[in-house]
Amino acid sequence: MRHLLVEMKTAVEQARQQNRSDLDAATLGRLQARYDQLVRRALRRNPRAAAKPPQRGRPRASPARNLAERLRDHKESVLRFVRDWRVPFDNNLAERDLRMMKVKLKVAGCFRSLAGAQMFACIRGYLSIARKQGFRALDALRAILVGQPIALQFA
């Protein structure tokens, strides 16, 4: 599955380089068929455990089974980057945006007030958007401190 997802990412990048707006139907169909085949194989190789007599309810599934079921149930979301090229292949930027908040909470333990937390989030958001639009963080901070914030584009 990992190799297939990287192959899908490469196909999207190559189509972008050729100034195309989407993958051709044959390529998309072939990639999705392989995805479905891999998910079915994972479900077959990782069957749900049978319930033991005194046990009530559904038995716990293995992590591999849970992953295969999620890949099956959330196929549209997992493969969204193939059809909608505005969606990134990974979520590294989102994870980086949240990381500083978690570091702050680990070091300080908490925010002392709601207002302080809101100010911290506002500043982090401003810097994150500025960086994503090609501005250096120090330049963005300097601009806001002199009263001339950078005009950022918000979606």
Protein backbone atom coordinates (compact mmCIF):
# COMPACT_ATOMS: atom_id res chain seq x y z
CA MET A 1 0.00 0.00 0.00
CA ARG A 2 2.83 2.35 0.84
CA HIS A 3 4.38 1.82 -2.60
CA LEU A 4 1.02 2.34 -4.31
CA LEU A 5 0.39 5.62 -2.48
CA VAL A 6 3.85 6.90 -3.47
CA GLU A 7 3.15 5.79 -7.06
CA MET A 8 -0.11 7.78 -6.97
CA LYS A 9 1.74 10.84 -5.67
CA THR A 10 4.31 10.50 -8.46
CA ALA A 11 1.56 10.17 -11.09
CA VAL A 12 -0.05 13.39 -9.84
CA GLU A 13 3.31 15.22 -9.86
CA GLN A 14 4.05 14.06 -13.42
CA ALA A 15 0.61 15.13 -14.64
CA ARG A 16 1.14 18.55 -13.02
CA GLN A 17 4.49 18.91 -14.78
CA GLN A 18 2.71 18.19 -18.08
CA ASN A 19 0.26 21.04 -17.27
CA ARG A 20 -2.69 18.67 -17.02
CA SER A 21 -5.57 19.40 -14.68
CA ASP A 22 -6.29 15.79 -13.69
CA LEU A 23 -5.22 12.19 -14.16
CA ASP A 24 -6.65 10.41 -17.18
CA ALA A 25 -9.52 8.02 -16.43
CA ALA A 26 -7.53 4.89 -17.34
CA THR A 27 -4.67 5.70 -14.96
CA LEU A 28 -7.04 6.71 -12.18
CA GLY A 29 -9.10 3.54 -12.64
CA ARG A 30 -6.00 1.34 -12.62
CA LEU A 31 -4.64 2.93 -9.45
CA GLN A 32 -7.98 2.70 -7.64
CA ALA A 33 -8.39 -0.94 -8.67
CA ARG A 34 -4.97 -1.75 -7.18
CA TYR A 35 -5.94 0.13 -4.00
CA ASP A 36 -9.15 -1.91 -3.69
CA GLN A 37 -7.23 -5.14 -4.38
CA LEU A 38 -4.67 -4.39 -1.66
CA VAL A 39 -7.39 -3.55 0.86
CA ARG A 40 -9.28 -6.77 0.08
CA ARG A 41 -6.06 -8.77 0.45
CA ALA A 42 -5.32 -7.11 3.81
CA LEU A 43 -8.84 -7.90 5.05
CA ARG A 44 -8.49 -11.55 3.97
CA ARG A 45 -5.08 -11.94 5.63
CA ASN A 46 -6.25 -10.32 8.85
CA PRO A 47 -9.63 -11.86 9.67
CA ARG A 48 -11.64 -10.68 12.64
CA ALA A 49 -11.07 -12.91 15.66
CA ALA A 50 -13.89 -15.26 16.70
CA ALA A 51 -15.65 -14.55 19.98
CA LYS A 52 -14.75 -16.85 22.85
CA PRO A 53 -17.72 -18.44 24.70
CA PRO A 54 -17.80 -16.37 27.89
CA GLN A 55 -16.90 -13.18 26.03
CA ARG A 56 -19.73 -10.81 25.17
CA GLY A 57 -19.73 -8.32 22.36
CA ARG A 58 -17.47 -8.09 19.37
CA PRO A 59 -13.91 -9.36 19.84
CA ARG A 60 -11.05 -6.89 19.53
CA ALA A 61 -9.58 -6.62 16.04
CA SER A 62 -5.84 -6.52 15.37
CA PRO A 63 -4.20 -3.20 14.45
CA ALA A 64 -3.68 -4.50 10.88
CA ARG A 65 -7.40 -5.35 10.59
CA ASN A 66 -8.36 -1.93 11.95
CA LEU A 67 -6.11 -0.20 9.42
CA ALA A 68 -7.49 -2.25 6.52
CA GLU A 69 -11.06 -1.44 7.57
CA ARG A 70 -10.27 2.26 7.82
CA LEU A 71 -8.61 2.24 4.39
CA ARG A 72 -11.74 0.56 3.01
CA ASP A 73 -14.24 2.80 4.81
CA HIS A 74 -12.41 6.09 4.19
CA LYS A 75 -11.19 5.47 0.64
CA GLU A 76 -12.55 8.80 -0.65
CA SER A 77 -10.65 10.77 1.99
CA VAL A 78 -7.44 8.75 1.69
CA LEU A 79 -7.32 9.20 -2.10
CA ARG A 80 -8.62 12.78 -2.23
CA PHE A 81 -5.14 14.06 -3.18
CA VAL A 82 -5.42 12.12 -6.48
CA ARG A 83 -8.66 13.82 -7.57
CA ASP A 84 -8.38 17.24 -5.92
CA TRP A 85 -4.86 18.54 -6.42
CA ARG A 86 -5.36 21.33 -3.88
CA VAL A 87 -5.20 18.63 -1.18
CA PRO A 88 -1.58 17.84 -0.19
CA PHE A 89 -0.32 14.26 -0.17
CA ASP A 90 0.66 14.53 3.49
CA ASN A 91 -0.28 16.71 6.43
CA ASN A 92 3.21 17.74 7.51
CA LEU A 93 2.38 21.47 7.49
CA ALA A 94 -0.64 20.94 9.75
CA GLU A 95 1.43 18.83 12.13
CA ARG A 96 4.16 21.47 12.25
CA ASP A 97 1.57 24.15 12.97
CA LEU A 98 0.30 22.21 15.99
CA ARG A 99 3.72 21.23 17.28
CA MET A 100 4.59 24.59 18.88
CA MET A 101 1.31 24.61 20.80
CA LYS A 102 2.09 21.16 22.23
CA VAL A 103 5.66 22.20 23.07
CA LYS A 104 4.33 25.27 24.88
CA LEU A 105 1.89 23.13 26.87
CA LYS A 106 4.62 20.61 27.76
CA VAL A 107 7.02 23.29 28.98
CA ALA A 108 4.55 25.54 30.82
CA GLY A 109 1.98 22.89 31.66
CA CYS A 110 -0.87 25.21 30.72
CA PHE A 111 -1.74 28.74 29.72
CA ARG A 112 -2.40 31.07 32.63
CA SER A 113 -5.44 32.64 31.01
CA LEU A 114 -7.74 32.22 28.04
CA ALA A 115 -6.59 35.60 26.74
CA GLY A 116 -2.96 34.45 26.82
CA ALA A 117 -3.82 31.26 24.94
CA GLN A 118 -5.76 33.24 22.34
CA MET A 119 -2.88 35.69 21.84
CA PHE A 120 -0.39 32.83 21.49
CA ALA A 121 -2.65 31.10 18.92
CA CYS A 122 -3.15 34.36 17.02
CA ILE A 123 0.59 35.04 16.77
CA ARG A 124 1.36 31.43 15.78
CA GLY A 125 -1.39 31.54 13.14
CA TYR A 126 -0.08 34.80 11.68
CA LEU A 127 3.48 33.44 11.48
CA SER A 128 2.35 30.14 10.00
CA ILE A 129 0.34 31.79 7.23
CA ALA A 130 3.14 34.27 6.52
CA ARG A 131 5.66 31.41 6.16
CA LYS A 132 3.34 29.46 3.87
CA GLN A 133 3.04 32.54 1.65
CA GLY A 134 6.81 32.92 1.35
CA PHE A 135 7.55 35.56 4.00
CA ARG A 136 10.26 35.10 6.62
CA ALA A 137 8.97 34.91 10.20
CA LEU A 138 11.27 37.68 11.42
CA ASP A 139 10.12 40.02 8.65
CA ALA A 140 6.48 39.28 9.49
CA LEU A 141 7.08 40.00 13.19
CA ARG A 142 9.02 43.18 12.43
CA ALA A 143 6.22 44.41 10.14
CA ILE A 144 3.53 43.84 12.75
CA LEU A 145 5.59 45.48 15.53
CA VAL A 146 6.00 48.68 13.49
CA GLY A 147 2.27 48.72 12.80
CA GLN A 148 2.37 47.67 9.15
CA PRO A 149 1.35 43.98 9.10
CA ILE A 150 1.95 42.06 5.90
CA ALA A 151 -1.16 41.74 3.75
CA LEU A 152 -1.75 37.98 3.79
CA GLN A 153 -4.19 36.06 1.60
CA PHE A 154 -6.73 33.99 3.52
CA ALA A 155 -8.71 31.24 1.82
